[in-house]
Amino acid sequence: MMAVRLLTCLMAFAFSIPRTAPAPSALVDSTPQHRAHAIAMPQVDSHVLANLLTNVPARASDLPLTVVAGEATQCESATCTVPLTLRALGAEGPVKLALAVANSRGELSDVKHADCGFGACSVSLVLERGINTVSIGVVDPIAQTTAYTTLRIDANRAVAANPGKTEWF
């Protein structure tokens, strides 16, 4: 009885399998597909913070990055505004910036983001007075490239040591 039931199940299974090959459109396309690997901003944020914690960059740059810090302006009692000019040479499209700062006490800021033009832009940072370390990450989403750098900025406004006399005639 058991053998008859097993044989009946096997025959039913054998007859339920289609005997024709599936249509070509139903087959999986085996041609190679080139998909750009998206660079995730959380990964860039991690590299930016890691660069503040180490003396050696956490990752090498894919494209040349030039950053120039201007003179501290608009200083208040505890902070100064410092302009930065950034240029990512070889960027193929608008780039995205990730910036973080470590102050002289070693306290880290949150990572902030900014959209930049086609590889060149200016940003203003409000920094605590004193020596600050700024870590910058740049992402070119079209070329799928990144660049990282750190720089030290003295956020103190230079004041003339001996102001000249003013005379009125």
Protein backbone atom coordinates (compact mmCIF):
# COMPACT_ATOMS: atom_id res chain seq x y z
CA MET A 1 0.00 0.00 0.00
CA MET A 2 2.82 2.35 0.92
CA ALA A 3 4.72 1.53 -2.29
CA VAL A 4 1.64 2.27 -4.42
CA ARG A 5 1.12 5.63 -2.72
CA LEU A 6 4.81 6.56 -3.17
CA LEU A 7 4.71 5.55 -6.84
CA THR A 8 1.54 7.62 -7.38
CA CYS A 9 3.16 10.70 -5.81
CA LEU A 10 6.31 10.30 -7.92
CA MET A 11 4.29 9.94 -11.12
CA ALA A 12 2.16 12.98 -10.29
CA PHE A 13 5.32 14.99 -9.63
CA ALA A 14 6.96 13.78 -12.86
CA PHE A 15 3.98 14.77 -14.97
CA SER A 16 3.69 18.21 -13.36
CA ILE A 17 7.19 19.25 -14.53
CA PRO A 18 6.97 21.16 -17.85
CA ARG A 19 8.80 19.46 -20.69
CA THR A 20 9.47 22.59 -22.79
CA ALA A 21 12.28 25.04 -22.26
CA PRO A 22 11.26 28.40 -20.88
CA ALA A 23 11.01 31.34 -23.26
CA PRO A 24 14.24 33.35 -23.65
CA SER A 25 12.63 36.39 -22.04
CA ALA A 26 12.08 34.38 -18.87
CA LEU A 27 15.77 33.55 -18.57
CA VAL A 28 18.01 35.65 -16.37
CA ASP A 29 20.02 38.20 -18.29
CA SER A 30 23.64 37.11 -18.00
CA THR A 31 25.20 40.16 -19.67
CA PRO A 32 27.54 42.06 -17.35
CA GLN A 33 25.97 45.12 -15.80
CA HIS A 34 28.10 48.06 -14.78
CA ARG A 35 26.63 49.74 -11.75
CA ALA A 36 28.50 52.45 -9.93
CA HIS A 37 29.09 51.63 -6.31
CA ALA A 38 27.40 54.40 -4.39
CA ILE A 39 29.50 56.08 -1.72
CA ALA A 40 27.47 56.27 1.46
CA MET A 41 27.67 59.53 3.40
CA PRO A 42 27.78 57.72 6.78
CA GLN A 43 30.99 56.04 5.60
CA VAL A 44 32.43 59.43 4.63
CA ASP A 45 31.37 60.83 8.03
CA SER A 46 33.24 57.99 9.74
CA HIS A 47 36.42 58.77 7.79
CA VAL A 48 36.12 62.48 8.60
CA LEU A 49 35.83 61.76 12.34
CA ALA A 50 38.61 59.14 12.21
CA ASN A 51 40.94 61.71 10.64
CA LEU A 52 40.43 63.92 13.71
CA LEU A 53 41.44 61.09 16.03
CA THR A 54 44.61 59.95 14.26
CA ASN A 55 47.77 61.54 12.92
CA VAL A 56 47.70 59.38 9.78
CA PRO A 57 44.73 59.79 7.41
CA ALA A 58 42.23 56.94 7.66
CA ARG A 59 41.91 56.78 3.89
CA ALA A 60 43.86 58.09 0.92
CA SER A 61 42.23 60.60 -1.40
CA ASP A 62 41.00 59.64 -4.87
CA LEU A 63 41.14 63.19 -6.21
CA PRO A 64 43.35 66.21 -5.43
CA LEU A 65 41.86 68.54 -2.81
CA THR A 66 43.09 72.04 -2.00
CA VAL A 67 41.83 73.89 1.07
CA VAL A 68 42.84 77.44 1.98
CA ALA A 69 41.79 79.01 5.28
CA GLY A 70 41.31 82.77 5.39
CA GLU A 71 41.85 85.14 8.30
CA ALA A 72 39.53 84.90 11.29
CA THR A 73 36.81 87.55 11.13
CA GLN A 74 33.79 88.52 13.19
CA CYS A 75 35.29 87.38 16.47
CA GLU A 76 33.10 87.38 19.54
CA SER A 77 34.10 86.55 23.09
CA ALA A 78 34.37 82.78 22.51
CA THR A 79 34.16 82.23 18.73
CA CYS A 80 35.52 83.50 15.42
CA THR A 81 34.28 83.02 11.87
CA VAL A 82 36.90 81.58 9.50
CA PRO A 83 36.34 81.34 5.72
CA LEU A 84 37.53 78.23 3.85
CA THR A 85 38.00 77.96 0.10
CA LEU A 86 37.92 74.40 -1.25
CA ARG A 87 38.80 73.09 -4.69
CA ALA A 88 38.50 69.44 -5.72
CA LEU A 89 40.42 69.13 -8.99
CA GLY A 90 39.04 66.62 -11.42
CA ALA A 91 35.52 66.59 -9.99
CA GLU A 92 32.98 65.57 -12.63
CA GLY A 93 29.97 67.10 -10.99
CA PRO A 94 28.73 68.95 -7.94
CA VAL A 95 30.50 67.67 -4.85
CA LYS A 96 29.26 67.18 -1.30
CA LEU A 97 31.26 68.21 1.74
CA ALA A 98 31.46 66.64 5.17
CA LEU A 99 33.17 68.75 7.87
CA ALA A 100 33.97 68.16 11.52
CA VAL A 101 36.08 70.09 14.03
CA ALA A 102 38.12 69.20 17.11
CA ASN A 103 38.85 72.10 19.47
CA SER A 104 41.99 72.53 21.58
CA ARG A 105 40.43 70.50 24.43
CA GLY A 106 39.88 67.52 22.08
CA GLU A 107 36.10 67.90 21.92
CA LEU A 108 34.62 66.82 18.59
CA SER A 109 31.78 68.50 16.74
CA ASP A 110 29.07 66.70 14.82
CA VAL A 111 29.73 66.14 11.13
CA LYS A 112 28.04 68.84 9.07
CA HIS A 113 27.26 68.60 5.35
CA ALA A 114 27.23 71.17 2.58
CA ASP A 115 26.63 71.02 -1.16
CA CYS A 116 29.39 72.53 -3.23
CA GLY A 117 29.52 73.59 -6.84
CA PHE A 118 31.49 71.83 -9.53
CA GLY A 119 34.53 71.21 -7.39
CA ALA A 120 35.05 74.72 -5.98
CA CYS A 121 33.27 76.55 -3.18
CA SER A 122 33.68 78.66 -0.07
CA VAL A 123 32.27 77.95 3.37
CA SER A 124 32.43 79.88 6.63
CA LEU A 125 33.09 78.04 9.88
CA VAL A 126 32.30 79.37 13.33
CA LEU A 127 35.13 78.06 15.48
CA GLU A 128 36.00 78.39 19.14
CA ARG A 129 38.91 80.72 19.79
CA GLY A 130 42.24 78.91 19.81
CA ILE A 131 43.75 76.11 17.75
CA ASN A 132 41.14 73.95 16.00
CA THR A 133 41.63 70.93 13.77
CA VAL A 134 39.22 70.77 10.84
CA SER A 135 38.64 67.49 8.99
CA ILE A 136 37.10 67.68 5.53
CA GLY A 137 35.71 64.95 3.30
CA VAL A 138 34.61 65.60 -0.28
CA VAL A 139 32.46 63.23 -2.35
CA ASP A 140 31.96 63.41 -6.11
CA PRO A 141 28.83 61.26 -6.56
CA ILE A 142 29.15 61.16 -10.36
CA ALA A 143 32.77 59.98 -10.51
CA GLN A 144 32.35 57.99 -7.26
CA THR A 145 35.55 59.49 -5.83
CA THR A 146 36.43 60.93 -2.45
CA ALA A 147 39.05 63.24 -0.98
CA TYR A 148 40.01 63.82 2.65
CA THR A 149 42.22 66.33 4.41
CA THR A 150 42.77 67.89 7.81
CA LEU A 151 44.15 71.29 8.70
CA ARG A 152 44.88 73.27 11.83
CA ILE A 153 43.36 76.72 12.13
CA ASP A 154 44.21 79.34 14.72
CA ALA A 155 40.87 81.04 15.31
CA ASN A 156 42.16 84.20 16.95
CA ARG A 157 41.89 87.56 15.35
CA ALA A 158 45.23 89.31 15.12
CA VAL A 159 45.16 92.60 16.96
CA ALA A 160 47.80 95.26 16.47
CA ALA A 161 50.17 95.27 19.46
CA ASN A 162 50.76 99.02 19.48
CA PRO A 163 47.91 100.97 18.01
CA GLY A 164 49.02 104.27 16.49
CA LYS A 165 47.99 107.64 17.87
CA THR A 166 45.19 109.47 16.25
CA GLU A 167 45.50 113.23 16.07
CA TRP A 168 42.85 115.64 15.07
CA PHE A 169 43.84 118.93 13.50
